[in-house]
Amino acid sequence: MNKNRIIGFVVLGIIGLIISQFMGAKRDDSGQITKSGDIGAFETHFGDCLKDMPNIPDAGISINNLSAIPCSEAHHWQVFYKSSINLSTYSEQGVIDSASSICNSGIEALWQSISSLKASEYGDADITYLHPTSESWNTKGDRAVDCLIGSDTQIYYSSVLN
């Protein structure tokens, strides 16, 4: 490889890093999202608000990035509970059943802890979850479940958690 080609790759890498700094979500010292942008699917935190959910045509499709947004801005979804699956081997149905059970427990705890105002605001919300795919389970040791509350059609302007 010649010197000019190496310099070109280095320059492209630096440009890519600079662009990602402007495109990515920003968090404050407490971990709250303060600037909208993309976050990796493995970088979600409890309480993160998401502008929307990616359109996933088939089950088992990996999600790499999510559009995170401060909860005070218009959003559709929020991570209200996080946990891990405790299975020794991957099976799609086992992962789905475990994720569903985890999120059902999480929603019960959420409803017991929120105000009546929040319960009213989020009363018609849907519950969904992000869970490991076969690929992420086997290649990354992924066992994470993100439980989400929200709607593809309803817009929220505050966190369900406070």
N, C-alpha and C. Protein backbone atom coordinates (compact mmCIF):
# COMPACT_ATOMS: atom_id res chain seq x y z
N MET A 1 0.86 -1.17 0.00
CA MET A 1 0.00 0.00 0.00
C MET A 1 0.90 1.23 0.00
N ASN A 2 0.53 2.20 -0.81
CA ASN A 2 1.39 3.37 -0.87
C ASN A 2 1.04 4.37 0.24
N LYS A 3 1.94 5.29 0.45
CA LYS A 3 1.82 6.28 1.54
C LYS A 3 0.56 7.13 1.41
N ASN A 4 0.20 7.56 0.20
CA ASN A 4 -0.98 8.39 -0.01
C ASN A 4 -2.26 7.66 0.36
N ARG A 5 -2.32 6.37 0.05
CA ARG A 5 -3.52 5.57 0.38
C ARG A 5 -3.65 5.43 1.90
N ILE A 6 -2.54 5.22 2.59
CA ILE A 6 -2.57 5.11 4.06
C ILE A 6 -3.03 6.42 4.67
N ILE A 7 -2.50 7.53 4.19
CA ILE A 7 -2.91 8.84 4.69
C ILE A 7 -4.40 9.06 4.44
N GLY A 8 -4.89 8.64 3.26
CA GLY A 8 -6.31 8.77 2.94
C GLY A 8 -7.18 8.00 3.91
N PHE A 9 -6.79 6.77 4.25
CA PHE A 9 -7.56 5.96 5.21
C PHE A 9 -7.56 6.60 6.60
N VAL A 10 -6.42 7.15 7.00
CA VAL A 10 -6.34 7.81 8.30
C VAL A 10 -7.25 9.04 8.33
N VAL A 11 -7.21 9.84 7.28
CA VAL A 11 -8.06 11.03 7.20
C VAL A 11 -9.53 10.63 7.23
N LEU A 12 -9.93 9.60 6.48
CA LEU A 12 -11.31 9.14 6.49
C LEU A 12 -11.72 8.65 7.89
N GLY A 13 -10.82 7.96 8.57
CA GLY A 13 -11.11 7.50 9.93
C GLY A 13 -11.33 8.66 10.88
N ILE A 14 -10.51 9.68 10.78
CA ILE A 14 -10.65 10.86 11.64
C ILE A 14 -11.96 11.58 11.33
N ILE A 15 -12.29 11.73 10.06
CA ILE A 15 -13.56 12.36 9.68
C ILE A 15 -14.73 11.56 10.23
N GLY A 16 -14.66 10.25 10.13
CA GLY A 16 -15.72 9.39 10.67
C GLY A 16 -15.90 9.57 12.16
N LEU A 17 -14.80 9.66 12.90
CA LEU A 17 -14.88 9.89 14.35
C LEU A 17 -15.49 11.24 14.68
N ILE A 18 -15.13 12.25 13.93
CA ILE A 18 -15.68 13.59 14.16
C ILE A 18 -17.18 13.60 13.88
N ILE A 19 -17.60 12.99 12.79
CA ILE A 19 -19.02 12.93 12.45
C ILE A 19 -19.79 12.18 13.53
N SER A 20 -19.24 11.06 14.00
CA SER A 20 -19.95 10.28 15.03
C SER A 20 -20.10 11.07 16.32
N GLN A 21 -19.17 11.97 16.62
CA GLN A 21 -19.28 12.80 17.81
C GLN A 21 -20.47 13.75 17.71
N PHE A 22 -20.77 14.21 16.49
CA PHE A 22 -21.88 15.13 16.30
C PHE A 22 -23.21 14.40 16.13
N MET A 23 -23.18 13.16 15.67
CA MET A 23 -24.40 12.40 15.40
C MET A 23 -24.88 11.63 16.63
N GLY A 24 -23.99 11.29 17.53
CA GLY A 24 -24.35 10.46 18.66
C GLY A 24 -25.04 11.25 19.76
N ALA A 25 -25.86 10.54 20.53
CA ALA A 25 -26.53 11.15 21.68
C ALA A 25 -25.48 11.52 22.73
N LYS A 26 -25.79 12.51 23.52
CA LYS A 26 -24.90 12.94 24.61
C LYS A 26 -25.60 12.70 25.93
N ARG A 27 -24.83 12.33 26.95
CA ARG A 27 -25.33 12.10 28.30
C ARG A 27 -24.65 13.05 29.27
N ASP A 28 -25.37 13.39 30.35
CA ASP A 28 -24.73 14.18 31.40
C ASP A 28 -24.03 13.23 32.38
N ASP A 29 -23.47 13.77 33.44
CA ASP A 29 -22.72 12.96 34.40
C ASP A 29 -23.58 11.90 35.08
N SER A 30 -24.88 12.13 35.17
CA SER A 30 -25.76 11.14 35.80
C SER A 30 -26.24 10.07 34.81
N GLY A 31 -25.89 10.22 33.53
CA GLY A 31 -26.27 9.25 32.52
C GLY A 31 -27.52 9.60 31.74
N GLN A 32 -28.15 10.73 32.08
CA GLN A 32 -29.36 11.16 31.37
C GLN A 32 -28.99 11.69 29.99
N ILE A 33 -29.79 11.37 29.00
CA ILE A 33 -29.56 11.88 27.65
C ILE A 33 -29.90 13.36 27.61
N THR A 34 -28.94 14.16 27.16
CA THR A 34 -29.13 15.60 27.10
C THR A 34 -29.17 16.13 25.66
N LYS A 35 -28.73 15.31 24.71
CA LYS A 35 -28.74 15.70 23.30
C LYS A 35 -29.15 14.49 22.49
N SER A 36 -30.11 14.69 21.60
CA SER A 36 -30.60 13.61 20.75
C SER A 36 -29.51 13.09 19.83
N GLY A 37 -29.63 11.83 19.52
CA GLY A 37 -28.70 11.21 18.58
C GLY A 37 -28.77 9.70 18.69
N ASP A 38 -27.96 9.06 17.91
CA ASP A 38 -27.96 7.60 17.91
C ASP A 38 -27.16 7.05 19.08
N ILE A 39 -27.64 5.94 19.62
CA ILE A 39 -26.88 5.17 20.60
C ILE A 39 -26.89 3.72 20.12
N GLY A 40 -25.86 3.00 20.47
CA GLY A 40 -25.80 1.59 20.13
C GLY A 40 -26.84 0.81 20.92
N ALA A 41 -27.33 -0.25 20.34
CA ALA A 41 -28.35 -1.07 21.01
C ALA A 41 -27.84 -1.63 22.33
N PHE A 42 -26.53 -1.77 22.50
CA PHE A 42 -25.97 -2.28 23.74
C PHE A 42 -25.62 -1.17 24.72
N GLU A 43 -25.96 0.08 24.39
CA GLU A 43 -25.60 1.23 25.22
C GLU A 43 -26.80 1.87 25.91
N THR A 44 -27.96 1.23 25.87
CA THR A 44 -29.13 1.81 26.50
C THR A 44 -29.00 1.78 28.01
N HIS A 45 -29.63 2.75 28.65
CA HIS A 45 -29.67 2.84 30.11
C HIS A 45 -31.12 2.81 30.56
N PHE A 46 -31.32 2.41 31.79
CA PHE A 46 -32.62 2.51 32.43
C PHE A 46 -33.07 3.96 32.35
N GLY A 47 -34.28 4.20 31.85
CA GLY A 47 -34.81 5.55 31.75
C GLY A 47 -34.61 6.23 30.41
N ASP A 48 -33.82 5.66 29.52
CA ASP A 48 -33.60 6.28 28.20
C ASP A 48 -34.91 6.39 27.43
N CYS A 49 -35.10 7.52 26.79
CA CYS A 49 -36.25 7.71 25.90
C CYS A 49 -35.77 7.57 24.46
N LEU A 50 -36.64 6.97 23.65
CA LEU A 50 -36.30 6.71 22.26
C LEU A 50 -37.31 7.41 21.36
N LYS A 51 -36.78 8.09 20.37
CA LYS A 51 -37.65 8.82 19.45
C LYS A 51 -38.67 7.88 18.82
N ASP A 52 -38.21 6.74 18.37
CA ASP A 52 -39.09 5.74 17.78
C ASP A 52 -38.36 4.40 17.80
N MET A 53 -39.06 3.37 17.40
CA MET A 53 -38.45 2.05 17.28
C MET A 53 -38.13 1.80 15.82
N PRO A 54 -37.00 1.15 15.56
CA PRO A 54 -36.69 0.82 14.17
C PRO A 54 -37.75 -0.10 13.59
N ASN A 55 -38.01 0.05 12.32
CA ASN A 55 -38.94 -0.85 11.64
C ASN A 55 -38.21 -2.17 11.39
N ILE A 56 -38.70 -3.23 12.03
CA ILE A 56 -38.05 -4.53 11.93
C ILE A 56 -38.99 -5.46 11.17
N PRO A 57 -38.66 -5.80 9.93
CA PRO A 57 -39.58 -6.61 9.13
C PRO A 57 -39.71 -8.06 9.59
N ASP A 58 -38.68 -8.62 10.18
CA ASP A 58 -38.70 -10.02 10.59
C ASP A 58 -38.15 -10.17 12.00
N ALA A 59 -38.71 -11.14 12.74
CA ALA A 59 -38.18 -11.45 14.07
C ALA A 59 -36.74 -11.94 13.91
N GLY A 60 -35.94 -11.69 14.90
CA GLY A 60 -34.55 -12.14 14.88
C GLY A 60 -33.60 -11.22 14.16
N ILE A 61 -34.10 -10.10 13.66
CA ILE A 61 -33.24 -9.12 13.00
C ILE A 61 -32.53 -8.30 14.07
N SER A 62 -31.25 -8.10 13.89
CA SER A 62 -30.47 -7.34 14.87
C SER A 62 -30.70 -5.84 14.70
N ILE A 63 -30.77 -5.17 15.82
CA ILE A 63 -30.84 -3.71 15.84
C ILE A 63 -29.48 -3.22 16.30
N ASN A 64 -28.86 -2.36 15.52
CA ASN A 64 -27.56 -1.85 15.89
C ASN A 64 -27.63 -0.51 16.59
N ASN A 65 -28.51 0.37 16.14
CA ASN A 65 -28.60 1.72 16.68
C ASN A 65 -30.05 2.09 16.98
N LEU A 66 -30.21 2.92 17.97
CA LEU A 66 -31.51 3.46 18.35
C LEU A 66 -31.40 4.97 18.39
N SER A 67 -32.50 5.64 18.14
CA SER A 67 -32.53 7.10 18.15
C SER A 67 -32.95 7.57 19.55
N ALA A 68 -31.97 7.96 20.36
CA ALA A 68 -32.23 8.40 21.73
C ALA A 68 -32.52 9.90 21.76
N ILE A 69 -33.30 10.29 22.77
CA ILE A 69 -33.75 11.68 22.85
C ILE A 69 -33.97 12.04 24.32
N PRO A 70 -33.75 13.28 24.72
CA PRO A 70 -34.11 13.64 26.10
C PRO A 70 -35.60 13.40 26.33
N CYS A 71 -35.97 12.92 27.49
CA CYS A 71 -37.37 12.57 27.76
C CYS A 71 -38.30 13.78 27.76
N SER A 72 -37.75 14.99 27.87
CA SER A 72 -38.59 16.19 27.82
C SER A 72 -38.99 16.56 26.39
N GLU A 73 -38.40 15.88 25.41
CA GLU A 73 -38.73 16.11 24.01
C GLU A 73 -39.67 15.01 23.51
N ALA A 74 -40.33 15.26 22.40
CA ALA A 74 -41.30 14.31 21.85
C ALA A 74 -40.63 12.97 21.56
N HIS A 75 -41.19 11.92 22.19
CA HIS A 75 -40.66 10.58 21.99
C HIS A 75 -41.80 9.57 22.02
N HIS A 76 -41.51 8.36 21.59
CA HIS A 76 -42.52 7.31 21.55
C HIS A 76 -42.28 6.20 22.58
N TRP A 77 -41.04 5.95 22.94
CA TRP A 77 -40.71 4.80 23.78
C TRP A 77 -39.73 5.18 24.89
N GLN A 78 -39.76 4.41 25.97
CA GLN A 78 -38.82 4.62 27.07
C GLN A 78 -38.45 3.27 27.68
N VAL A 79 -37.16 3.12 28.00
CA VAL A 79 -36.69 1.93 28.69
C VAL A 79 -37.09 2.07 30.16
N PHE A 80 -38.03 1.22 30.62
CA PHE A 80 -38.50 1.32 31.99
C PHE A 80 -37.94 0.23 32.89
N TYR A 81 -37.28 -0.75 32.29
CA TYR A 81 -36.73 -1.85 33.09
C TYR A 81 -35.66 -2.55 32.25
N LYS A 82 -34.60 -2.99 32.90
CA LYS A 82 -33.52 -3.74 32.24
C LYS A 82 -33.19 -4.94 33.11
N SER A 83 -32.93 -6.04 32.46
CA SER A 83 -32.53 -7.25 33.18
C SER A 83 -31.79 -8.17 32.21
N SER A 84 -31.45 -9.35 32.70
CA SER A 84 -30.75 -10.33 31.87
C SER A 84 -31.48 -11.66 31.89
N ILE A 85 -31.38 -12.35 30.78
CA ILE A 85 -31.98 -13.68 30.66
C ILE A 85 -31.05 -14.69 31.32
N ASN A 86 -31.65 -15.60 32.06
CA ASN A 86 -30.88 -16.61 32.77
C ASN A 86 -31.14 -17.99 32.16
N LEU A 87 -30.76 -18.16 30.91
CA LEU A 87 -30.85 -19.45 30.22
C LEU A 87 -29.44 -19.93 29.90
N SER A 88 -29.25 -21.23 29.91
CA SER A 88 -27.92 -21.75 29.61
C SER A 88 -27.66 -21.85 28.11
N THR A 89 -28.71 -22.05 27.32
CA THR A 89 -28.55 -22.12 25.87
C THR A 89 -29.63 -21.28 25.19
N TYR A 90 -29.34 -20.86 23.98
CA TYR A 90 -30.27 -20.02 23.22
C TYR A 90 -31.34 -20.88 22.56
N SER A 91 -32.56 -20.47 22.73
CA SER A 91 -33.67 -20.93 21.89
C SER A 91 -34.55 -19.71 21.71
N GLU A 92 -35.00 -19.48 20.50
CA GLU A 92 -35.79 -18.28 20.23
C GLU A 92 -37.01 -18.20 21.14
N GLN A 93 -37.75 -19.30 21.27
CA GLN A 93 -38.94 -19.29 22.11
C GLN A 93 -38.57 -19.09 23.59
N GLY A 94 -37.48 -19.70 24.02
CA GLY A 94 -37.03 -19.53 25.41
C GLY A 94 -36.68 -18.08 25.71
N VAL A 95 -36.00 -17.43 24.78
CA VAL A 95 -35.62 -16.02 24.95
C VAL A 95 -36.87 -15.15 24.97
N ILE A 96 -37.80 -15.40 24.06
CA ILE A 96 -39.03 -14.61 24.01
C ILE A 96 -39.83 -14.79 25.30
N ASP A 97 -39.97 -16.04 25.76
CA ASP A 97 -40.71 -16.30 27.00
C ASP A 97 -40.04 -15.63 28.19
N SER A 98 -38.71 -15.72 28.27
CA SER A 98 -37.98 -15.10 29.38
C SER A 98 -38.11 -13.58 29.35
N ALA A 99 -37.95 -12.99 28.16
CA ALA A 99 -38.06 -11.53 28.03
C ALA A 99 -39.46 -11.07 28.41
N SER A 100 -40.46 -11.80 27.98
CA SER A 100 -41.84 -11.46 28.30
C SER A 100 -42.08 -11.52 29.81
N SER A 101 -41.58 -12.56 30.44
CA SER A 101 -41.73 -12.71 31.89
C SER A 101 -41.01 -11.58 32.64
N ILE A 102 -39.80 -11.27 32.20
CA ILE A 102 -39.02 -10.19 32.82
C ILE A 102 -39.79 -8.87 32.73
N CYS A 103 -40.31 -8.56 31.54
CA CYS A 103 -41.00 -7.29 31.35
C CYS A 103 -42.35 -7.25 32.04
N ASN A 104 -43.02 -8.37 32.15
CA ASN A 104 -44.27 -8.41 32.91
C ASN A 104 -44.02 -8.10 34.38
N SER A 105 -42.95 -8.64 34.93
CA SER A 105 -42.59 -8.32 36.33
C SER A 105 -42.22 -6.85 36.46
N GLY A 106 -41.47 -6.36 35.47
CA GLY A 106 -41.07 -4.95 35.49
C GLY A 106 -42.25 -4.00 35.40
N ILE A 107 -43.24 -4.32 34.59
CA ILE A 107 -44.39 -3.42 34.45
C ILE A 107 -45.23 -3.44 35.72
N GLU A 108 -45.35 -4.59 36.36
CA GLU A 108 -46.08 -4.64 37.63
C GLU A 108 -45.43 -3.72 38.66
N ALA A 109 -44.11 -3.78 38.75
CA ALA A 109 -43.39 -2.91 39.69
C ALA A 109 -43.54 -1.44 39.30
N LEU A 110 -43.49 -1.16 38.01
CA LEU A 110 -43.64 0.23 37.55
C LEU A 110 -45.00 0.77 37.94
N TRP A 111 -46.08 0.04 37.67
CA TRP A 111 -47.43 0.52 37.98
C TRP A 111 -47.61 0.77 39.47
N GLN A 112 -46.92 0.02 40.31
CA GLN A 112 -47.04 0.21 41.76
C GLN A 112 -46.26 1.43 42.23
N SER A 113 -45.32 1.89 41.42
CA SER A 113 -44.45 2.98 41.88
C SER A 113 -44.75 4.35 41.28
N ILE A 114 -45.58 4.41 40.24
CA ILE A 114 -45.79 5.71 39.58
C ILE A 114 -47.04 6.41 40.11
N SER A 115 -47.06 7.71 39.88
CA SER A 115 -48.19 8.52 40.32
C SER A 115 -49.43 8.22 39.48
N SER A 116 -50.58 8.62 39.98
CA SER A 116 -51.82 8.42 39.23
C SER A 116 -51.81 9.25 37.95
N LEU A 117 -51.16 10.41 37.96
CA LEU A 117 -51.04 11.24 36.77
C LEU A 117 -50.26 10.49 35.67
N LYS A 118 -49.12 9.90 36.05
CA LYS A 118 -48.32 9.14 35.08
C LYS A 118 -49.08 7.90 34.63
N ALA A 119 -49.78 7.23 35.55
CA ALA A 119 -50.56 6.05 35.18
C ALA A 119 -51.63 6.41 34.15
N SER A 120 -52.22 7.59 34.30
CA SER A 120 -53.22 8.04 33.35
C SER A 120 -52.58 8.37 32.00
N GLU A 121 -51.46 9.07 32.04
CA GLU A 121 -50.76 9.47 30.81
C GLU A 121 -50.31 8.25 30.01
N TYR A 122 -49.82 7.24 30.69
CA TYR A 122 -49.28 6.06 30.03
C TYR A 122 -50.25 4.87 30.05
N GLY A 123 -51.50 5.09 30.45
CA GLY A 123 -52.46 4.01 30.61
C GLY A 123 -52.74 3.21 29.35
N ASP A 124 -52.66 3.84 28.19
CA ASP A 124 -52.92 3.14 26.93
C ASP A 124 -51.64 2.72 26.21
N ALA A 125 -50.51 2.87 26.90
CA ALA A 125 -49.23 2.55 26.27
C ALA A 125 -49.08 1.04 26.06
N ASP A 126 -48.24 0.71 25.12
CA ASP A 126 -47.89 -0.68 24.86
C ASP A 126 -46.60 -1.02 25.60
N ILE A 127 -46.39 -2.29 25.78
CA ILE A 127 -45.15 -2.79 26.37
C ILE A 127 -44.49 -3.67 25.31
N THR A 128 -43.22 -3.45 25.09
CA THR A 128 -42.45 -4.30 24.18
C THR A 128 -41.06 -4.46 24.76
N TYR A 129 -40.23 -5.20 24.11
CA TYR A 129 -38.89 -5.42 24.64
C TYR A 129 -37.90 -5.68 23.53
N LEU A 130 -36.67 -5.39 23.83
CA LEU A 130 -35.54 -5.75 22.98
C LEU A 130 -34.86 -6.91 23.67
N HIS A 131 -34.54 -7.95 22.92
CA HIS A 131 -33.93 -9.14 23.51
C HIS A 131 -32.83 -9.67 22.59
N PRO A 132 -32.01 -10.57 23.10
CA PRO A 132 -30.91 -11.10 22.28
C PRO A 132 -31.41 -11.87 21.06
N THR A 133 -30.67 -11.74 19.98
CA THR A 133 -30.88 -12.60 18.82
C THR A 133 -29.91 -13.77 18.94
N SER A 134 -30.09 -14.75 18.13
CA SER A 134 -29.16 -15.89 18.13
C SER A 134 -27.73 -15.41 17.89
N GLU A 135 -27.59 -14.47 16.97
CA GLU A 135 -26.26 -13.96 16.64
C GLU A 135 -25.63 -13.21 17.82
N SER A 136 -26.39 -12.30 18.44
CA SER A 136 -25.82 -11.52 19.55
C SER A 136 -25.57 -12.42 20.76
N TRP A 137 -26.40 -13.43 20.95
CA TRP A 137 -26.23 -14.39 22.05
C TRP A 137 -24.91 -15.15 21.89
N ASN A 138 -24.68 -15.63 20.66
CA ASN A 138 -23.52 -16.49 20.41
C ASN A 138 -22.22 -15.73 20.19
N THR A 139 -22.28 -14.55 19.59
CA THR A 139 -21.04 -13.84 19.28
C THR A 139 -20.65 -12.79 20.32
N LYS A 140 -21.65 -12.25 21.05
CA LYS A 140 -21.36 -11.18 21.99
C LYS A 140 -21.72 -11.53 23.42
N GLY A 141 -22.23 -12.74 23.64
CA GLY A 141 -22.64 -13.12 24.99
C GLY A 141 -23.82 -12.31 25.49
N ASP A 142 -24.62 -11.79 24.57
CA ASP A 142 -25.74 -10.92 24.91
C ASP A 142 -26.83 -11.69 25.65
N ARG A 143 -27.20 -11.19 26.81
CA ARG A 143 -28.31 -11.76 27.59
C ARG A 143 -29.28 -10.67 28.03
N ALA A 144 -29.06 -9.43 27.54
CA ALA A 144 -29.80 -8.26 28.01
C ALA A 144 -31.22 -8.19 27.46
N VAL A 145 -32.12 -7.75 28.33
CA VAL A 145 -33.50 -7.46 27.94
C VAL A 145 -33.78 -6.02 28.32
N ASP A 146 -34.22 -5.23 27.36
CA ASP A 146 -34.67 -3.86 27.61
C ASP A 146 -36.19 -3.86 27.49
N CYS A 147 -36.87 -3.53 28.56
CA CYS A 147 -38.33 -3.44 28.56
C CYS A 147 -38.71 -2.00 28.24
N LEU A 148 -39.60 -1.83 27.27
CA LEU A 148 -39.97 -0.51 26.79
C LEU A 148 -41.46 -0.27 26.96
N ILE A 149 -41.81 0.95 27.33
CA ILE A 149 -43.19 1.37 27.40
C ILE A 149 -43.36 2.52 26.42
N GLY A 150 -44.49 2.53 25.72
CA GLY A 150 -44.74 3.61 24.77
C GLY A 150 -45.71 3.20 23.70
N SER A 151 -45.57 3.84 22.55
CA SER A 151 -46.50 3.62 21.45
C SER A 151 -45.86 4.11 20.16
N ASP A 152 -46.18 3.44 19.07
CA ASP A 152 -45.71 3.92 17.77
C ASP A 152 -46.51 5.13 17.30
N THR A 153 -47.72 5.33 17.88
CA THR A 153 -48.59 6.41 17.42
C THR A 153 -48.73 7.55 18.43
N GLN A 154 -48.62 7.27 19.71
CA GLN A 154 -48.74 8.30 20.75
C GLN A 154 -47.39 8.95 21.01
N ILE A 155 -47.41 10.23 21.28
CA ILE A 155 -46.18 10.97 21.59
C ILE A 155 -46.21 11.34 23.07
N TYR A 156 -45.07 11.18 23.73
CA TYR A 156 -44.92 11.53 25.14
C TYR A 156 -43.88 12.64 25.26
N TYR A 157 -44.05 13.47 26.30
CA TYR A 157 -43.14 14.60 26.51
C TYR A 157 -42.49 14.56 27.89
N SER A 158 -42.64 13.44 28.58
CA SER A 158 -42.01 13.32 29.90
C SER A 158 -41.69 11.86 30.16
N SER A 159 -40.90 11.63 31.17
CA SER A 159 -40.53 10.28 31.55
C SER A 159 -41.63 9.62 32.36
N VAL A 160 -41.86 8.36 32.13
CA VAL A 160 -42.82 7.61 32.94
C VAL A 160 -42.27 7.40 34.35
N LEU A 161 -40.98 7.58 34.53
CA LEU A 161 -40.32 7.26 35.79
C LEU A 161 -40.34 8.39 36.83
N ASN A 162 -40.70 9.59 36.42
CA ASN A 162 -40.75 10.69 37.41
C ASN A 162 -41.84 11.66 37.10
